[in-house]
N, C-alpha and C. Protein backbone atom coordinates (compact mmCIF):
# COMPACT_ATOMS: atom_id res chain seq x y z
N MET A 1 23.75 7.90 -5.40
CA MET A 1 22.39 7.59 -5.79
C MET A 1 22.27 7.74 -7.30
N ASN A 2 21.55 6.78 -7.89
CA ASN A 2 21.25 6.84 -9.31
C ASN A 2 19.76 7.08 -9.49
N TYR A 3 19.40 7.45 -10.71
CA TYR A 3 18.02 7.76 -11.04
C TYR A 3 17.62 6.93 -12.25
N TRP A 4 16.39 6.43 -12.21
CA TRP A 4 15.93 5.49 -13.22
C TRP A 4 14.51 5.77 -13.63
N LEU A 5 14.15 5.24 -14.79
CA LEU A 5 12.76 5.19 -15.23
C LEU A 5 12.47 3.73 -15.57
N PHE A 6 11.44 3.17 -14.93
CA PHE A 6 11.01 1.81 -15.18
C PHE A 6 9.66 1.87 -15.88
N LYS A 7 9.60 1.27 -17.05
CA LYS A 7 8.34 1.24 -17.80
C LYS A 7 7.52 0.02 -17.40
N THR A 8 6.21 0.21 -17.39
CA THR A 8 5.28 -0.87 -17.14
C THR A 8 3.99 -0.61 -17.89
N GLU A 9 3.33 -1.66 -18.29
CA GLU A 9 2.02 -1.52 -18.92
C GLU A 9 0.99 -1.61 -17.79
N PRO A 10 0.22 -0.56 -17.59
CA PRO A 10 -0.68 -0.53 -16.43
C PRO A 10 -1.75 -1.61 -16.41
N ASP A 11 -2.07 -2.19 -17.56
CA ASP A 11 -3.03 -3.30 -17.52
C ASP A 11 -2.37 -4.58 -16.98
N ALA A 12 -1.04 -4.63 -16.97
CA ALA A 12 -0.30 -5.76 -16.39
C ALA A 12 0.12 -5.45 -14.95
N PHE A 13 0.65 -4.25 -14.73
CA PHE A 13 1.07 -3.83 -13.39
C PHE A 13 1.20 -2.31 -13.41
N SER A 14 0.44 -1.64 -12.56
CA SER A 14 0.41 -0.17 -12.54
C SER A 14 0.92 0.38 -11.23
N VAL A 15 1.04 1.69 -11.18
CA VAL A 15 1.40 2.35 -9.93
C VAL A 15 0.35 2.07 -8.86
N ASP A 16 -0.91 1.93 -9.26
CA ASP A 16 -1.96 1.56 -8.29
C ASP A 16 -1.76 0.15 -7.76
N ASP A 17 -1.32 -0.76 -8.62
CA ASP A 17 -1.02 -2.12 -8.16
C ASP A 17 0.10 -2.09 -7.12
N LEU A 18 1.13 -1.29 -7.39
CA LEU A 18 2.23 -1.16 -6.43
C LEU A 18 1.72 -0.59 -5.11
N ALA A 19 0.85 0.41 -5.20
CA ALA A 19 0.29 1.02 -3.99
C ALA A 19 -0.51 0.02 -3.15
N ASN A 20 -1.08 -0.98 -3.80
CA ASN A 20 -1.91 -1.97 -3.10
C ASN A 20 -1.14 -3.20 -2.62
N ARG A 21 0.15 -3.28 -2.90
CA ARG A 21 0.95 -4.41 -2.42
C ARG A 21 1.28 -4.22 -0.94
N PRO A 22 1.47 -5.31 -0.22
CA PRO A 22 1.88 -5.17 1.19
C PRO A 22 3.14 -4.31 1.30
N GLY A 23 3.07 -3.31 2.15
CA GLY A 23 4.20 -2.39 2.31
C GLY A 23 4.46 -1.55 1.08
N GLN A 24 3.53 -1.55 0.14
CA GLN A 24 3.68 -0.84 -1.13
C GLN A 24 5.01 -1.19 -1.81
N THR A 25 5.36 -2.47 -1.68
CA THR A 25 6.64 -2.97 -2.19
C THR A 25 6.39 -4.19 -3.06
N GLU A 26 7.17 -4.28 -4.16
CA GLU A 26 7.03 -5.42 -5.07
C GLU A 26 8.33 -5.62 -5.83
N HIS A 27 8.57 -6.86 -6.25
CA HIS A 27 9.73 -7.11 -7.12
C HIS A 27 9.37 -6.67 -8.54
N TRP A 28 10.40 -6.23 -9.26
CA TRP A 28 10.22 -5.77 -10.64
C TRP A 28 10.78 -6.87 -11.53
N ASP A 29 9.90 -7.76 -11.97
CA ASP A 29 10.34 -8.95 -12.70
C ASP A 29 9.96 -8.89 -14.17
N GLY A 30 10.34 -9.92 -14.89
CA GLY A 30 9.93 -10.07 -16.28
C GLY A 30 10.76 -9.31 -17.29
N ILE A 31 11.86 -8.74 -16.89
CA ILE A 31 12.72 -8.00 -17.83
C ILE A 31 13.49 -9.02 -18.67
N ARG A 32 13.31 -8.94 -19.99
CA ARG A 32 13.96 -9.90 -20.88
C ARG A 32 14.70 -9.20 -22.02
N ASN A 33 15.43 -8.18 -21.67
CA ASN A 33 16.31 -7.47 -22.59
C ASN A 33 17.66 -7.41 -21.89
N TYR A 34 18.72 -7.76 -22.60
CA TYR A 34 20.02 -7.88 -21.94
C TYR A 34 20.56 -6.55 -21.41
N GLN A 35 20.35 -5.47 -22.12
CA GLN A 35 20.84 -4.18 -21.63
C GLN A 35 20.09 -3.78 -20.37
N ALA A 36 18.77 -3.94 -20.38
CA ALA A 36 17.97 -3.63 -19.18
C ALA A 36 18.36 -4.57 -18.04
N ARG A 37 18.57 -5.85 -18.35
CA ARG A 37 19.02 -6.82 -17.34
C ARG A 37 20.33 -6.37 -16.70
N ASN A 38 21.26 -5.91 -17.53
CA ASN A 38 22.55 -5.47 -17.01
C ASN A 38 22.39 -4.29 -16.06
N PHE A 39 21.48 -3.37 -16.37
CA PHE A 39 21.21 -2.28 -15.44
C PHE A 39 20.73 -2.84 -14.10
N LEU A 40 19.75 -3.75 -14.15
CA LEU A 40 19.21 -4.32 -12.92
C LEU A 40 20.26 -5.10 -12.14
N ARG A 41 21.06 -5.86 -12.83
CA ARG A 41 22.06 -6.70 -12.18
C ARG A 41 23.25 -5.89 -11.64
N ASP A 42 23.70 -4.90 -12.42
CA ASP A 42 24.98 -4.26 -12.13
C ASP A 42 24.91 -2.82 -11.64
N LYS A 43 23.84 -2.11 -11.93
CA LYS A 43 23.82 -0.66 -11.68
C LYS A 43 22.76 -0.20 -10.70
N VAL A 44 21.56 -0.76 -10.74
CA VAL A 44 20.47 -0.32 -9.86
C VAL A 44 20.80 -0.76 -8.44
N GLN A 45 20.78 0.20 -7.51
CA GLN A 45 21.19 -0.07 -6.13
C GLN A 45 20.12 0.38 -5.13
N VAL A 46 20.19 -0.17 -3.94
CA VAL A 46 19.29 0.24 -2.87
C VAL A 46 19.40 1.75 -2.67
N GLY A 47 18.26 2.41 -2.56
CA GLY A 47 18.21 3.85 -2.37
C GLY A 47 18.05 4.64 -3.65
N ASP A 48 18.25 4.00 -4.80
CA ASP A 48 18.06 4.70 -6.07
C ASP A 48 16.59 5.09 -6.23
N ALA A 49 16.37 6.21 -6.90
CA ALA A 49 15.02 6.71 -7.15
C ALA A 49 14.56 6.24 -8.53
N VAL A 50 13.27 5.92 -8.64
CA VAL A 50 12.73 5.33 -9.86
C VAL A 50 11.41 6.01 -10.21
N PHE A 51 11.32 6.52 -11.44
CA PHE A 51 10.03 6.93 -11.96
C PHE A 51 9.30 5.68 -12.44
N ILE A 52 8.03 5.55 -12.07
CA ILE A 52 7.17 4.50 -12.61
C ILE A 52 6.46 5.11 -13.81
N TYR A 53 6.70 4.52 -14.96
CA TYR A 53 6.24 5.06 -16.24
C TYR A 53 5.24 4.10 -16.86
N HIS A 54 4.03 4.59 -17.12
CA HIS A 54 3.01 3.78 -17.78
C HIS A 54 3.17 3.87 -19.29
N SER A 55 3.25 2.72 -19.94
CA SER A 55 3.37 2.68 -21.41
C SER A 55 2.25 1.82 -21.99
N SER A 56 2.11 1.88 -23.29
CA SER A 56 1.10 1.08 -24.01
C SER A 56 -0.29 1.24 -23.40
N CYS A 57 -0.67 2.48 -23.19
CA CYS A 57 -1.97 2.78 -22.60
C CYS A 57 -2.46 4.13 -23.13
N LYS A 58 -3.64 4.52 -22.69
CA LYS A 58 -4.23 5.78 -23.16
C LYS A 58 -3.40 6.99 -22.72
N GLU A 59 -2.96 6.99 -21.47
CA GLU A 59 -2.21 8.13 -20.93
C GLU A 59 -0.78 7.69 -20.60
N VAL A 60 0.08 7.71 -21.61
CA VAL A 60 1.48 7.28 -21.48
C VAL A 60 2.27 8.36 -20.76
N GLY A 61 3.00 7.97 -19.72
CA GLY A 61 3.84 8.94 -19.03
C GLY A 61 4.21 8.51 -17.62
N ILE A 62 4.81 9.43 -16.89
CA ILE A 62 5.28 9.18 -15.53
C ILE A 62 4.11 9.26 -14.57
N ALA A 63 3.87 8.16 -13.84
CA ALA A 63 2.70 8.06 -12.97
C ALA A 63 3.05 8.05 -11.49
N GLY A 64 4.30 7.73 -11.15
CA GLY A 64 4.66 7.65 -9.74
C GLY A 64 6.15 7.63 -9.53
N LEU A 65 6.50 7.57 -8.25
CA LEU A 65 7.89 7.58 -7.82
C LEU A 65 8.09 6.44 -6.84
N ALA A 66 9.20 5.73 -6.99
CA ALA A 66 9.51 4.62 -6.10
C ALA A 66 10.98 4.68 -5.71
N GLU A 67 11.32 3.85 -4.74
CA GLU A 67 12.71 3.72 -4.29
C GLU A 67 13.09 2.25 -4.35
N VAL A 68 14.31 1.98 -4.79
CA VAL A 68 14.81 0.61 -4.80
C VAL A 68 15.12 0.20 -3.36
N VAL A 69 14.53 -0.92 -2.94
CA VAL A 69 14.74 -1.39 -1.56
C VAL A 69 15.49 -2.72 -1.51
N LYS A 70 15.71 -3.35 -2.66
CA LYS A 70 16.54 -4.55 -2.75
C LYS A 70 17.22 -4.55 -4.10
N ALA A 71 18.54 -4.65 -4.08
CA ALA A 71 19.32 -4.62 -5.32
C ALA A 71 19.13 -5.91 -6.11
N GLY A 72 19.68 -5.96 -7.31
CA GLY A 72 19.48 -7.05 -8.24
C GLY A 72 19.72 -8.45 -7.68
N TYR A 73 18.78 -9.33 -7.99
CA TYR A 73 18.88 -10.75 -7.62
C TYR A 73 18.14 -11.55 -8.69
N PRO A 74 18.41 -12.86 -8.79
CA PRO A 74 17.81 -13.64 -9.88
C PRO A 74 16.27 -13.57 -9.88
N ASP A 75 15.73 -13.35 -11.06
CA ASP A 75 14.28 -13.31 -11.27
C ASP A 75 13.76 -14.75 -11.21
N HIS A 76 12.95 -15.03 -10.21
CA HIS A 76 12.44 -16.39 -10.01
C HIS A 76 11.58 -16.90 -11.15
N SER A 77 10.95 -16.01 -11.91
CA SER A 77 10.05 -16.44 -12.98
C SER A 77 10.79 -17.16 -14.11
N GLN A 78 12.08 -16.94 -14.25
CA GLN A 78 12.85 -17.61 -15.30
C GLN A 78 12.95 -19.12 -15.07
N PHE A 79 12.74 -19.55 -13.83
CA PHE A 79 12.87 -20.97 -13.49
C PHE A 79 11.53 -21.71 -13.49
N ASP A 80 10.44 -21.00 -13.66
CA ASP A 80 9.09 -21.57 -13.55
C ASP A 80 8.52 -21.90 -14.93
N PRO A 81 8.42 -23.19 -15.27
CA PRO A 81 7.90 -23.57 -16.60
C PRO A 81 6.48 -23.07 -16.86
N GLU A 82 5.74 -22.72 -15.82
CA GLU A 82 4.37 -22.22 -15.98
C GLU A 82 4.33 -20.71 -16.24
N SER A 83 5.45 -20.04 -16.06
CA SER A 83 5.52 -18.59 -16.21
C SER A 83 5.73 -18.20 -17.67
N LYS A 84 5.13 -17.08 -18.07
CA LYS A 84 5.38 -16.58 -19.43
C LYS A 84 6.82 -16.07 -19.57
N TYR A 85 7.51 -15.90 -18.44
CA TYR A 85 8.90 -15.44 -18.46
C TYR A 85 9.90 -16.58 -18.27
N TYR A 86 9.42 -17.81 -18.36
CA TYR A 86 10.29 -18.98 -18.22
C TYR A 86 11.38 -18.95 -19.28
N ASP A 87 12.60 -19.32 -18.87
CA ASP A 87 13.72 -19.41 -19.79
C ASP A 87 14.41 -20.75 -19.57
N PRO A 88 14.21 -21.70 -20.47
CA PRO A 88 14.79 -23.02 -20.28
C PRO A 88 16.32 -23.04 -20.31
N LYS A 89 16.92 -21.98 -20.84
CA LYS A 89 18.38 -21.91 -20.88
C LYS A 89 18.97 -21.35 -19.58
N SER A 90 18.12 -20.93 -18.68
CA SER A 90 18.57 -20.36 -17.42
C SER A 90 18.56 -21.45 -16.34
N SER A 91 19.46 -21.34 -15.39
CA SER A 91 19.48 -22.28 -14.27
C SER A 91 19.76 -21.52 -12.98
N VAL A 92 19.47 -22.16 -11.87
CA VAL A 92 19.71 -21.54 -10.57
C VAL A 92 21.20 -21.23 -10.40
N ASP A 93 22.05 -22.11 -10.94
CA ASP A 93 23.50 -21.91 -10.85
C ASP A 93 24.01 -20.84 -11.82
N ALA A 94 23.27 -20.62 -12.89
CA ALA A 94 23.68 -19.62 -13.89
C ALA A 94 22.44 -18.86 -14.38
N PRO A 95 21.89 -18.00 -13.51
CA PRO A 95 20.69 -17.25 -13.91
C PRO A 95 21.03 -16.25 -15.01
N ARG A 96 20.06 -16.02 -15.89
CA ARG A 96 20.23 -15.05 -16.97
C ARG A 96 19.54 -13.74 -16.66
N TRP A 97 18.48 -13.77 -15.85
CA TRP A 97 17.61 -12.61 -15.68
C TRP A 97 17.54 -12.19 -14.22
N TYR A 98 17.47 -10.88 -14.03
CA TYR A 98 17.50 -10.31 -12.68
C TYR A 98 16.32 -9.38 -12.46
N MET A 99 16.06 -9.12 -11.19
CA MET A 99 15.00 -8.18 -10.80
C MET A 99 15.46 -7.42 -9.56
N VAL A 100 14.74 -6.38 -9.22
CA VAL A 100 14.97 -5.61 -8.00
C VAL A 100 13.62 -5.45 -7.31
N ASP A 101 13.64 -5.04 -6.06
CA ASP A 101 12.41 -4.71 -5.34
C ASP A 101 12.30 -3.20 -5.23
N VAL A 102 11.10 -2.69 -5.46
CA VAL A 102 10.84 -1.26 -5.35
C VAL A 102 9.70 -1.02 -4.37
N LYS A 103 9.78 0.13 -3.72
CA LYS A 103 8.74 0.57 -2.78
C LYS A 103 8.21 1.91 -3.27
N LEU A 104 6.90 2.01 -3.33
CA LEU A 104 6.27 3.25 -3.78
C LEU A 104 6.60 4.39 -2.82
N THR A 105 7.05 5.49 -3.37
CA THR A 105 7.27 6.71 -2.60
C THR A 105 6.02 7.57 -2.67
N ARG A 106 5.51 7.73 -3.90
CA ARG A 106 4.23 8.43 -4.07
C ARG A 106 3.70 8.26 -5.49
N LYS A 107 2.40 8.33 -5.55
CA LYS A 107 1.70 8.35 -6.83
C LYS A 107 1.42 9.82 -7.13
N PHE A 108 1.65 10.24 -8.36
CA PHE A 108 1.40 11.62 -8.72
C PHE A 108 -0.08 11.84 -8.97
N LYS A 109 -0.53 13.06 -8.73
CA LYS A 109 -1.95 13.39 -8.91
C LYS A 109 -2.38 13.19 -10.35
N GLN A 110 -1.47 13.48 -11.27
CA GLN A 110 -1.72 13.30 -12.69
C GLN A 110 -0.49 12.68 -13.32
N VAL A 111 -0.68 12.02 -14.44
CA VAL A 111 0.44 11.48 -15.21
C VAL A 111 1.12 12.64 -15.95
N LEU A 112 2.44 12.69 -15.87
CA LEU A 112 3.19 13.63 -16.69
C LEU A 112 3.39 12.94 -18.02
N THR A 113 2.67 13.38 -19.03
CA THR A 113 2.59 12.65 -20.29
C THR A 113 3.87 12.75 -21.11
N LEU A 114 4.07 11.72 -21.92
CA LEU A 114 5.21 11.71 -22.84
C LEU A 114 5.15 12.91 -23.78
N LYS A 115 3.96 13.24 -24.23
CA LYS A 115 3.80 14.39 -25.12
C LYS A 115 4.34 15.66 -24.46
N THR A 116 4.01 15.85 -23.20
CA THR A 116 4.49 17.02 -22.45
C THR A 116 6.00 16.95 -22.27
N ILE A 117 6.51 15.78 -21.91
CA ILE A 117 7.96 15.61 -21.70
C ILE A 117 8.72 15.96 -22.97
N LYS A 118 8.23 15.51 -24.11
CA LYS A 118 8.91 15.77 -25.38
C LYS A 118 8.94 17.26 -25.73
N GLN A 119 8.05 18.04 -25.15
CA GLN A 119 8.01 19.48 -25.41
C GLN A 119 8.92 20.28 -24.48
N MET A 120 9.49 19.63 -23.47
CA MET A 120 10.34 20.33 -22.50
C MET A 120 11.74 20.52 -23.06
N GLN A 121 12.14 21.76 -23.19
CA GLN A 121 13.47 22.06 -23.74
C GLN A 121 14.59 21.59 -22.82
N GLN A 122 14.30 21.44 -21.53
CA GLN A 122 15.30 21.02 -20.55
C GLN A 122 15.56 19.51 -20.60
N ILE A 123 14.72 18.77 -21.30
CA ILE A 123 14.83 17.32 -21.34
C ILE A 123 15.35 16.89 -22.71
N THR A 124 16.63 16.48 -22.73
CA THR A 124 17.25 16.11 -24.01
C THR A 124 17.99 14.77 -23.94
N ASP A 125 18.35 14.32 -22.74
CA ASP A 125 19.20 13.13 -22.61
C ASP A 125 18.44 11.83 -22.36
N ILE A 126 17.30 11.90 -21.72
CA ILE A 126 16.57 10.68 -21.37
C ILE A 126 16.14 9.93 -22.63
N GLY A 127 16.22 8.62 -22.59
CA GLY A 127 15.89 7.80 -23.75
C GLY A 127 14.49 8.01 -24.29
N LEU A 128 13.57 8.47 -23.46
CA LEU A 128 12.19 8.69 -23.90
C LEU A 128 12.10 9.66 -25.07
N VAL A 129 13.01 10.62 -25.13
CA VAL A 129 12.92 11.65 -26.16
C VAL A 129 13.86 11.39 -27.34
N LYS A 130 14.51 10.25 -27.33
CA LYS A 130 15.42 9.89 -28.41
C LYS A 130 14.82 8.80 -29.27
N LYS A 131 15.02 8.90 -30.56
CA LYS A 131 14.52 7.87 -31.47
C LYS A 131 15.25 6.55 -31.22
N GLY A 132 14.48 5.47 -31.27
CA GLY A 132 15.07 4.14 -31.14
C GLY A 132 15.34 3.68 -29.73
N HIS A 133 15.05 4.48 -28.73
CA HIS A 133 15.29 4.10 -27.34
C HIS A 133 13.99 3.56 -26.76
N ARG A 134 13.91 2.23 -26.63
CA ARG A 134 12.67 1.62 -26.18
C ARG A 134 12.89 0.73 -24.95
N LEU A 135 14.00 0.89 -24.27
CA LEU A 135 14.27 0.06 -23.10
C LEU A 135 13.24 0.24 -22.01
N SER A 136 12.94 -0.83 -21.31
CA SER A 136 11.97 -0.78 -20.22
C SER A 136 12.61 -0.30 -18.92
N ILE A 137 13.93 -0.31 -18.85
CA ILE A 137 14.68 0.22 -17.70
C ILE A 137 15.69 1.18 -18.30
N MET A 138 15.64 2.44 -17.88
CA MET A 138 16.61 3.39 -18.44
C MET A 138 17.12 4.35 -17.37
N PRO A 139 18.40 4.70 -17.46
CA PRO A 139 18.93 5.68 -16.53
C PRO A 139 18.42 7.07 -16.86
N VAL A 140 18.38 7.91 -15.84
CA VAL A 140 17.98 9.31 -16.01
C VAL A 140 19.05 10.15 -15.35
N GLU A 141 19.55 11.14 -16.07
CA GLU A 141 20.53 12.06 -15.49
C GLU A 141 19.89 12.82 -14.33
N GLU A 142 20.68 13.10 -13.30
CA GLU A 142 20.16 13.74 -12.09
C GLU A 142 19.42 15.03 -12.38
N GLN A 143 19.99 15.91 -13.20
CA GLN A 143 19.34 17.21 -13.46
C GLN A 143 17.99 17.01 -14.14
N GLU A 144 17.90 16.06 -15.08
CA GLU A 144 16.64 15.80 -15.75
C GLU A 144 15.64 15.13 -14.80
N PHE A 145 16.13 14.23 -13.96
CA PHE A 145 15.24 13.58 -13.00
C PHE A 145 14.62 14.63 -12.07
N LEU A 146 15.45 15.51 -11.54
CA LEU A 146 14.95 16.52 -10.61
C LEU A 146 13.98 17.48 -11.30
N TYR A 147 14.27 17.83 -12.53
CA TYR A 147 13.36 18.70 -13.28
C TYR A 147 12.01 18.00 -13.51
N LEU A 148 12.06 16.75 -13.95
CA LEU A 148 10.83 16.00 -14.19
C LEU A 148 10.04 15.81 -12.89
N LEU A 149 10.74 15.55 -11.81
CA LEU A 149 10.08 15.39 -10.51
C LEU A 149 9.37 16.68 -10.13
N GLU A 150 10.02 17.80 -10.33
CA GLU A 150 9.40 19.11 -10.04
C GLU A 150 8.14 19.30 -10.87
N GLN A 151 8.19 18.88 -12.14
CA GLN A 151 7.02 19.01 -13.01
C GLN A 151 5.89 18.09 -12.54
N CYS A 152 6.23 16.87 -12.13
CA CYS A 152 5.22 15.92 -11.63
C CYS A 152 4.57 16.46 -10.38
N ASP A 153 5.36 17.01 -9.48
CA ASP A 153 4.83 17.54 -8.22
C ASP A 153 3.95 18.76 -8.46
N GLY A 154 4.18 19.46 -9.57
CA GLY A 154 3.42 20.67 -9.86
C GLY A 154 2.11 20.42 -10.56
N LEU A 155 1.85 19.19 -10.95
CA LEU A 155 0.60 18.89 -11.66
C LEU A 155 -0.61 18.91 -10.73
């Protein structure tokens, strides 16, 4: 099992939106960074745990927990000329962009804020606390994931 943090802007798609989807499940589309794409295509697997992280909002931080229920497959939005994620260089035979499906495990009572995370001495490896790390999909070391999960559950 691997551990991940997926960033989302809650005005576009939030943990509440995921909670309101049929089966509390949705595809995670629109990733247009090659390193993040490679994680989705090659590393994220069914059963992996995912923090849902709200960014670009008033209360930035970890808002929920999800599980990957479908491993990487071509992101359909890359083929749709009407989509803001359309990529004319991509084709069905040679897709460039991938997505996974996630199912909400739980929404936390409160957001564990980035400010709080940055103050935790136990958290040093996750990209959130490192300068220049702005990926929307990032791996989380098991010990840090479990510590952060404990903090989220304690809020």
